[in-house]
C-alpha atoms as a PDB file:
ATOM      1  CA  MET A   1       0.010  -0.044   0.100  1.00  0.00           C
ATOM      2  CA  LYS A   2       1.098   3.580  -0.705  1.00  0.00           C
ATOM      3  CA  PHE A   3       0.067   6.565   1.636  1.00  0.00           C
ATOM      4  CA  PHE A   4       0.160   9.975   0.441  1.00  0.00           C
ATOM      5  CA  TYR A   5       0.241  12.663   3.024  1.00  0.00           C
ATOM      6  CA  ASN A   6       1.938  15.598   4.374  1.00  0.00           C
ATOM      7  CA  PRO A   7       3.289  15.556   7.833  1.00  0.00           C
ATOM      8  CA  ILE A   8       1.872  18.996   9.102  1.00  0.00           C
ATOM      9  CA  SER A   9      -1.574  18.000   7.738  1.00  0.00           C
ATOM     10  CA  THR A  10      -3.839  17.267  10.788  1.00  0.00           C
ATOM     11  CA  TYR A  11      -5.940  15.050   8.609  1.00  0.00           C
ATOM     12  CA  SER A  12      -2.948  13.275   7.285  1.00  0.00           C
ATOM     13  CA  GLN A  13      -1.708  12.892  10.989  1.00  0.00           C
ATOM     14  CA  LYS A  14      -4.849  11.364  11.862  1.00  0.00           C
ATOM     15  CA  ALA A  15      -4.615   8.575   9.355  1.00  0.00           C
ATOM     16  CA  LEU A  16      -0.917   8.075   9.945  1.00  0.00           C
ATOM     17  CA  MET A  17      -1.456   7.594  13.744  1.00  0.00           C
ATOM     18  CA  ALA A  18      -3.901   4.987  12.854  1.00  0.00           C
ATOM     19  CA  LEU A  19      -1.563   3.037  10.292  1.00  0.00           C
ATOM     20  CA  LEU A  20       0.975   3.124  13.122  1.00  0.00           C
ATOM     21  CA  GLU A  21      -1.425   1.915  15.894  1.00  0.00           C
ATOM     22  CA  LYS A  22      -2.484  -1.010  13.705  1.00  0.00           C
ATOM     23  CA  GLY A  23       1.184  -1.644  12.860  1.00  0.00           C
ATOM     24  CA  VAL A  24       0.445  -1.641   9.017  1.00  0.00           C
ATOM     25  CA  SER A  25       3.349  -1.839   6.288  1.00  0.00           C
ATOM     26  CA  PHE A  26       2.926   0.930   3.786  1.00  0.00           C
ATOM     27  CA  GLU A  27       5.101   3.032   1.456  1.00  0.00           C
ATOM     28  CA  PRO A  28       5.087   6.449   2.431  1.00  0.00           C
ATOM     29  CA  GLN A  29       4.497   9.165  -0.346  1.00  0.00           C
ATOM     30  CA  VAL A  30       4.947  12.748   1.180  1.00  0.00           C
ATOM     31  CA  VAL A  31       3.250  15.426  -0.977  1.00  0.00           C
ATOM     32  CA  ASN A  32       4.860  18.861  -0.645  1.00  0.00           C
ATOM     33  CA  LEU A  33       1.887  21.119  -0.784  1.00  0.00           C
ATOM     34  CA  MET A  34       3.921  24.036  -1.081  1.00  0.00           C
ATOM     35  CA  SER A  35       5.272  22.892  -4.572  1.00  0.00           C
ATOM     36  CA  PRO A  36       2.973  23.659  -7.507  1.00  0.00           C
ATOM     37  CA  GLU A  37       5.005  20.827  -9.560  1.00  0.00           C
ATOM     38  CA  ALA A  38       4.375  18.508  -6.607  1.00  0.00           C
ATOM     39  CA  ARG A  39       0.702  19.350  -6.392  1.00  0.00           C
ATOM     40  CA  THR A  40       0.232  18.678 -10.112  1.00  0.00           C
ATOM     41  CA  ALA A  41       1.936  15.279 -10.079  1.00  0.00           C
ATOM     42  CA  TYR A  42      -0.319  14.327  -7.101  1.00  0.00           C
ATOM     43  CA  GLU A  43      -3.408  15.393  -8.973  1.00  0.00           C
ATOM     44  CA  ALA A  44      -2.515  12.911 -11.639  1.00  0.00           C
ATOM     45  CA  VAL A  45      -2.937  10.138  -9.079  1.00  0.00           C
ATOM     46  CA  TYR A  46      -5.911  11.593  -7.272  1.00  0.00           C
ATOM     47  CA  PRO A  47      -7.653  14.581  -9.070  1.00  0.00           C
ATOM     48  CA  LEU A  48      -9.167  16.225  -6.193  1.00  0.00           C
ATOM     49  CA  GLY A  49      -5.696  16.835  -4.631  1.00  0.00           C
ATOM     50  CA  LYS A  50      -6.816  16.221  -1.244  1.00  0.00           C
ATOM     51  CA  ILE A  51      -4.641  14.506   1.311  1.00  0.00           C
ATOM     52  CA  PRO A  52      -4.272  11.883   2.655  1.00  0.00           C
ATOM     53  CA  LEU A  53      -4.819   9.307   0.184  1.00  0.00           C
ATOM     54  CA  LEU A  54      -4.314   5.392   0.729  1.00  0.00           C
ATOM     55  CA  VAL A  55      -3.687   3.433  -2.456  1.00  0.00           C
ATOM     56  CA  ASP A  56      -4.452  -0.320  -1.837  1.00  0.00           C
ATOM     57  CA  ASP A  57      -2.049  -3.078  -3.429  1.00  0.00           C
ATOM     58  CA  ASP A  58      -5.009  -3.437  -6.154  1.00  0.00           C
ATOM     59  CA  GLY A  59      -4.758   0.061  -6.963  1.00  0.00           C
ATOM     60  CA  THR A  60      -7.696   1.267  -5.255  1.00  0.00           C
ATOM     61  CA  LEU A  61      -7.839   4.841  -4.264  1.00  0.00           C
ATOM     62  CA  LEU A  62      -9.186   5.693  -0.680  1.00  0.00           C
ATOM     63  CA  PRO A  63      -9.429   9.154   0.444  1.00  0.00           C
ATOM     64  CA  GLU A  64     -10.689  10.811   3.441  1.00  0.00           C
ATOM     65  CA  SER A  65      -9.072  10.045   6.898  1.00  0.00           C
ATOM     66  CA  SER A  66     -11.917   8.504   8.612  1.00  0.00           C
ATOM     67  CA  ALA A  67     -12.635   5.943   5.769  1.00  0.00           C
ATOM     68  CA  ILE A  68      -9.062   5.359   5.796  1.00  0.00           C
ATOM     69  CA  ILE A  69      -9.065   4.363   9.279  1.00  0.00           C
ATOM     70  CA  GLU A  70     -12.324   2.309   9.089  1.00  0.00           C
ATOM     71  CA  PHE A  71     -10.737   0.411   6.011  1.00  0.00           C
ATOM     72  CA  ILE A  72      -7.545  -0.513   7.792  1.00  0.00           C
ATOM     73  CA  GLU A  73      -9.477  -1.765  10.749  1.00  0.00           C
ATOM     74  CA  LEU A  74     -11.554  -3.961   8.408  1.00  0.00           C
ATOM     75  CA  ARG A  75      -8.517  -5.145   6.564  1.00  0.00           C
ATOM     76  CA  PHE A  76      -6.261  -5.726   9.437  1.00  0.00           C
ATOM     77  CA  ALA A  77      -8.676  -6.382  12.268  1.00  0.00           C
ATOM     78  CA  GLY A  78      -6.534  -8.953  13.716  1.00  0.00           C
ATOM     79  CA  GLN A  79      -3.490  -7.032  14.176  1.00  0.00           C
ATOM     80  CA  GLY A  80      -2.474  -4.051  16.397  1.00  0.00           C
ATOM     81  CA  THR A  81      -4.732  -1.639  18.258  1.00  0.00           C
ATOM     82  CA  ARG A  82      -8.518  -2.104  17.607  1.00  0.00           C
ATOM     83  CA  LEU A  83      -9.688   1.373  16.376  1.00  0.00           C
ATOM     84  CA  LEU A  84     -13.554   0.491  15.980  1.00  0.00           C
ATOM     85  CA  PRO A  85     -15.193  -1.499  18.582  1.00  0.00           C
ATOM     86  CA  SER A  86     -16.931  -4.656  17.623  1.00  0.00           C
ATOM     87  CA  ASP A  87     -20.107  -3.725  19.457  1.00  0.00           C
ATOM     88  CA  PRO A  88     -22.308  -1.811  17.087  1.00  0.00           C
ATOM     89  CA  ARG A  89     -23.262   0.774  19.620  1.00  0.00           C
ATOM     90  CA  ALA A  90     -19.731   1.335  20.962  1.00  0.00           C
ATOM     91  CA  ALA A  91     -18.767   1.798  17.132  1.00  0.00           C
ATOM     92  CA  VAL A  92     -21.298   4.429  16.655  1.00  0.00           C
ATOM     93  CA  GLU A  93     -20.116   6.147  19.705  1.00  0.00           C
ATOM     94  CA  ALA A  94     -16.467   6.204  18.377  1.00  0.00           C
ATOM     95  CA  ARG A  95     -17.714   7.645  14.963  1.00  0.00           C
ATOM     96  CA  ARG A  96     -19.388  10.258  16.892  1.00  0.00           C
ATOM     97  CA  TRP A  97     -16.454  11.455  18.766  1.00  0.00           C
ATOM     98  CA  ASP A  98     -14.650  11.354  15.444  1.00  0.00           C
ATOM     99  CA  ARG A  99     -16.919  13.728  13.855  1.00  0.00           C
ATOM    100  CA  PHE A 100     -16.784  15.739  17.128  1.00  0.00           C
ATOM    101  CA  ALA A 101     -13.168  16.157  16.839  1.00  0.00           C
ATOM    102  CA  ASP A 102     -13.143  17.116  13.115  1.00  0.00           C
ATOM    103  CA  CYS A 103     -15.962  19.535  13.335  1.00  0.00           C
ATOM    104  CA  MET A 104     -15.568  21.182  16.786  1.00  0.00           C
ATOM    105  CA  LEU A 105     -11.699  21.050  17.239  1.00  0.00           C
ATOM    106  CA  ASN A 106      -9.845  20.533  13.650  1.00  0.00           C
ATOM    107  CA  GLU A 107     -11.807  22.628  11.367  1.00  0.00           C
ATOM    108  CA  PRO A 108     -11.888  25.727  13.754  1.00  0.00           C
ATOM    109  CA  MET A 109      -8.308  25.306  14.617  1.00  0.00           C
ATOM    110  CA  GLY A 110      -7.424  25.290  10.938  1.00  0.00           C
ATOM    111  CA  LYS A 111      -9.283  28.544  10.437  1.00  0.00           C
ATOM    112  CA  ILE A 112      -7.418  30.082  13.289  1.00  0.00           C
ATOM    113  CA  PHE A 113      -4.095  28.615  12.289  1.00  0.00           C
ATOM    114  CA  PHE A 114      -4.090  29.586   8.761  1.00  0.00           C
ATOM    115  CA  ASP A 115      -5.848  32.803   8.969  1.00  0.00           C
ATOM    116  CA  GLY A 116      -3.004  34.262  11.189  1.00  0.00           C
ATOM    117  CA  ARG A 117      -0.553  33.518   8.456  1.00  0.00           C
ATOM    118  CA  ARG A 118      -2.389  35.389   5.827  1.00  0.00           C
ATOM    119  CA  PRO A 119      -1.521  39.012   4.770  1.00  0.00           C
ATOM    120  CA  ALA A 120      -3.283  41.401   7.116  1.00  0.00           C
ATOM    121  CA  ASP A 121      -5.687  42.633   4.255  1.00  0.00           C
ATOM    122  CA  GLN A 122      -6.893  38.771   3.587  1.00  0.00           C
ATOM    123  CA  ARG A 123      -7.602  38.006   7.172  1.00  0.00           C
ATOM    124  CA  ASP A 124     -11.096  37.319   8.556  1.00  0.00           C
ATOM    125  CA  PRO A 125     -11.445  38.566  11.961  1.00  0.00           C
ATOM    126  CA  ALA A 126     -15.157  37.797  12.417  1.00  0.00           C
ATOM    127  CA  GLY A 127     -14.486  34.264  11.033  1.00  0.00           C
ATOM    128  CA  VAL A 128     -11.622  33.630  13.516  1.00  0.00           C
ATOM    129  CA  LYS A 129     -13.825  34.806  16.389  1.00  0.00           C
ATOM    130  CA  ASP A 130     -16.517  32.544  15.447  1.00  0.00           C
ATOM    131  CA  ALA A 131     -13.769  29.695  15.359  1.00  0.00           C
ATOM    132  CA  PHE A 132     -12.338  30.664  18.981  1.00  0.00           C
ATOM    133  CA  ALA A 133     -16.114  30.425  20.102  1.00  0.00           C
ATOM    134  CA  THR A 134     -16.581  27.107  18.530  1.00  0.00           C
ATOM    135  CA  VAL A 135     -13.125  25.806  20.060  1.00  0.00           C
ATOM    136  CA  GLN A 136     -14.219  26.915  23.500  1.00  0.00           C
ATOM    137  CA  LYS A 137     -17.578  25.267  23.223  1.00  0.00           C
ATOM    138  CA  GLY A 138     -16.201  22.059  22.158  1.00  0.00           C
ATOM    139  CA  MET A 139     -13.501  22.168  24.986  1.00  0.00           C
ATOM    140  CA  ALA A 140     -15.908  22.754  27.559  1.00  0.00           C
ATOM    141  CA  TYR A 141     -18.130  19.607  26.295  1.00  0.00           C
ATOM    142  CA  LEU A 142     -14.987  17.586  26.001  1.00  0.00           C
ATOM    143  CA  ASP A 143     -13.830  18.315  29.388  1.00  0.00           C
ATOM    144  CA  ALA A 144     -17.098  17.308  31.101  1.00  0.00           C
ATOM    145  CA  HIS A 145     -16.822  13.920  29.119  1.00  0.00           C
ATOM    146  CA  LEU A 146     -13.091  13.424  30.053  1.00  0.00           C
ATOM    147  CA  ALA A 147     -14.015  13.935  33.523  1.00  0.00           C
ATOM    148  CA  LYS A 148     -15.343  10.258  33.652  1.00  0.00           C
ATOM    149  CA  ASN A 149     -13.599   8.859  30.664  1.00  0.00           C
ATOM    150  CA  THR A 150      -9.893   8.044  29.988  1.00  0.00           C
ATOM    151  CA  TRP A 151     -10.413   7.667  26.094  1.00  0.00           C
ATOM    152  CA  LEU A 152     -13.103   9.402  23.950  1.00  0.00           C
ATOM    153  CA  ALA A 153     -15.082   6.165  23.178  1.00  0.00           C
ATOM    154  CA  GLY A 154     -14.375   3.470  25.794  1.00  0.00           C
ATOM    155  CA  GLU A 155     -10.960   2.095  24.664  1.00  0.00           C
ATOM    156  CA  PHE A 156      -8.391   3.936  22.466  1.00  0.00           C
ATOM    157  CA  SER A 157     -10.144   4.226  18.875  1.00  0.00           C
ATOM    158  CA  LEU A 158     -10.438   5.991  15.720  1.00  0.00           C
ATOM    159  CA  ALA A 159     -11.886   8.908  17.800  1.00  0.00           C
ATOM    160  CA  ASP A 160      -8.713   9.514  19.691  1.00  0.00           C
ATOM    161  CA  CYS A 161      -6.643   9.366  16.318  1.00  0.00           C
ATOM    162  CA  SER A 162      -9.033  12.227  15.128  1.00  0.00           C
ATOM    163  CA  ALA A 163      -8.538  14.361  18.399  1.00  0.00           C
ATOM    164  CA  ALA A 164      -4.801  14.116  18.737  1.00  0.00           C
ATOM    165  CA  PRO A 165      -3.650  16.174  15.917  1.00  0.00           C
ATOM    166  CA  PRO A 166      -5.822  19.343  16.558  1.00  0.00           C
ATOM    167  CA  LEU A 167      -5.003  19.124  20.321  1.00  0.00           C
ATOM    168  CA  LEU A 168      -1.325  19.676  19.461  1.00  0.00           C
ATOM    169  CA  TYR A 169      -2.099  22.775  17.403  1.00  0.00           C
ATOM    170  CA  LEU A 170      -4.721  24.263  19.602  1.00  0.00           C
ATOM    171  CA  LYS A 171      -1.953  24.306  22.363  1.00  0.00           C
ATOM    172  CA  ASN A 172      -0.486  27.089  20.401  1.00  0.00           C
ATOM    173  CA  VAL A 173      -3.228  28.849  18.756  1.00  0.00           C
ATOM    174  CA  ALA A 174      -6.105  28.543  21.457  1.00  0.00           C
ATOM    175  CA  PRO A 175      -4.418  27.170  24.712  1.00  0.00           C
ATOM    176  CA  TYR A 176      -6.546  25.198  26.742  1.00  0.00           C
ATOM    177  CA  GLU A 177      -4.830  24.740  30.207  1.00  0.00           C
ATOM    178  CA  SER A 178      -7.965  25.755  31.810  1.00  0.00           C
ATOM    179  CA  PHE A 179      -9.668  22.603  30.851  1.00  0.00           C
ATOM    180  CA  LYS A 180      -7.679  20.259  33.314  1.00  0.00           C
ATOM    181  CA  ASN A 181      -9.436  16.911  31.834  1.00  0.00           C
ATOM    182  CA  VAL A 182      -8.826  17.974  28.349  1.00  0.00           C
ATOM    183  CA  THR A 183      -4.965  18.838  29.359  1.00  0.00           C
ATOM    184  CA  ALA A 184      -4.558  15.437  31.046  1.00  0.00           C
ATOM    185  CA  TYR A 185      -6.163  13.586  28.058  1.00  0.00           C
ATOM    186  CA  ALA A 186      -3.446  15.234  25.867  1.00  0.00           C
ATOM    187  CA  SER A 187      -0.697  14.027  28.160  1.00  0.00           C
ATOM    188  CA  ARG A 188      -1.905  10.509  27.846  1.00  0.00           C
ATOM    189  CA  LEU A 189      -2.112  11.010  24.168  1.00  0.00           C
ATOM    190  CA  LEU A 190       1.592  12.034  24.327  1.00  0.00           C
ATOM    191  CA  GLU A 191       2.354   8.474  25.868  1.00  0.00           C
ATOM    192  CA  ARG A 192       1.186   6.841  22.717  1.00  0.00           C
ATOM    193  CA  PRO A 193       4.262   5.752  20.399  1.00  0.00           C
ATOM    194  CA  SER A 194       2.404   6.441  17.452  1.00  0.00           C
ATOM    195  CA  TYR A 195       1.456   9.855  18.442  1.00  0.00           C
ATOM    196  CA  LEU A 196       5.032  10.609  19.253  1.00  0.00           C
ATOM    197  CA  LYS A 197       6.269   9.222  15.853  1.00  0.00           C
ATOM    198  CA  VAL A 198       3.855  11.515  14.102  1.00  0.00           C
ATOM    199  CA  MET A 199       4.941  14.418  16.064  1.00  0.00           C
ATOM    200  CA  SER A 200       8.674  13.886  15.540  1.00  0.00           C
ATOM    201  CA  GLU A 201       8.175  14.038  11.522  1.00  0.00           C
ATOM    202  CA  ALA A 202       5.844  17.132  11.930  1.00  0.00           C
ATOM    203  CA  MET A 203       7.517  19.262  14.343  1.00  0.00           C
ATOM    204  CA  PRO A 204      10.600  20.356  12.399  1.00  0.00           C
ATOM    205  CA  ILE A 205       8.383  21.455   9.844  1.00  0.00           C
ATOM    206  CA  LEU A 206       6.079  23.483  12.168  1.00  0.00           C
ATOM    207  CA  LYS A 207       9.149  25.025  13.901  1.00  0.00           C
ATOM    208  CA  ALA A 208      10.562  26.134  10.489  1.00  0.00           C
ATOM    209  CA  MET A 209       7.042  27.587   9.441  1.00  0.00           C
ATOM    210  CA  MET A 210       6.938  29.583  12.729  1.00  0.00           C
ATOM    211  CA  GLY A 211      10.387  30.755  12.446  1.00  0.00           C
ATOM    212  CA  GLY A 212      11.826  28.879  15.267  1.00  0.00           C
END
């Protein structure tokens, strides 16, 4: 299998974390999103140009991070960390928290992160304000849930792969130290070898982007 991704893309990180948790062998294909030539070459593989993308051994193209994780759980169910519970209701809960992490954490985080890197005359203060409000609402909800739960949906799952990447970025663009349960959860994520591996690849690029 080939896995097309970019180390600083949160959706790439989410799927990569899952691949590492499952212990799946794959051929990494890093896509340089800053290079027009690289983008053109990648769009020859996947015309929509979105990352991440998993290409199965039979040539099947599988985009979208959540779908990638569900696919590898089905195909490699007998190895590594189980990322989707076998119980149907528990599986729905994992999928629900996956969507929560994408919609209430990752999407508004992206708005805040990238808006701050635009020229002043191209920024969207109202949109950023709304994004901050969404994050705060999401954090409060998440903090209450984590007061009684170690992971988002019982055991470590798809949902935690989804939450880990935006929490790393939010620590810098919308700090959440006041949410003690979320902070403790982020520390637990830091103990996962898969998360550490993902961050070790991403951090040098992020530091260079931020001038430090």
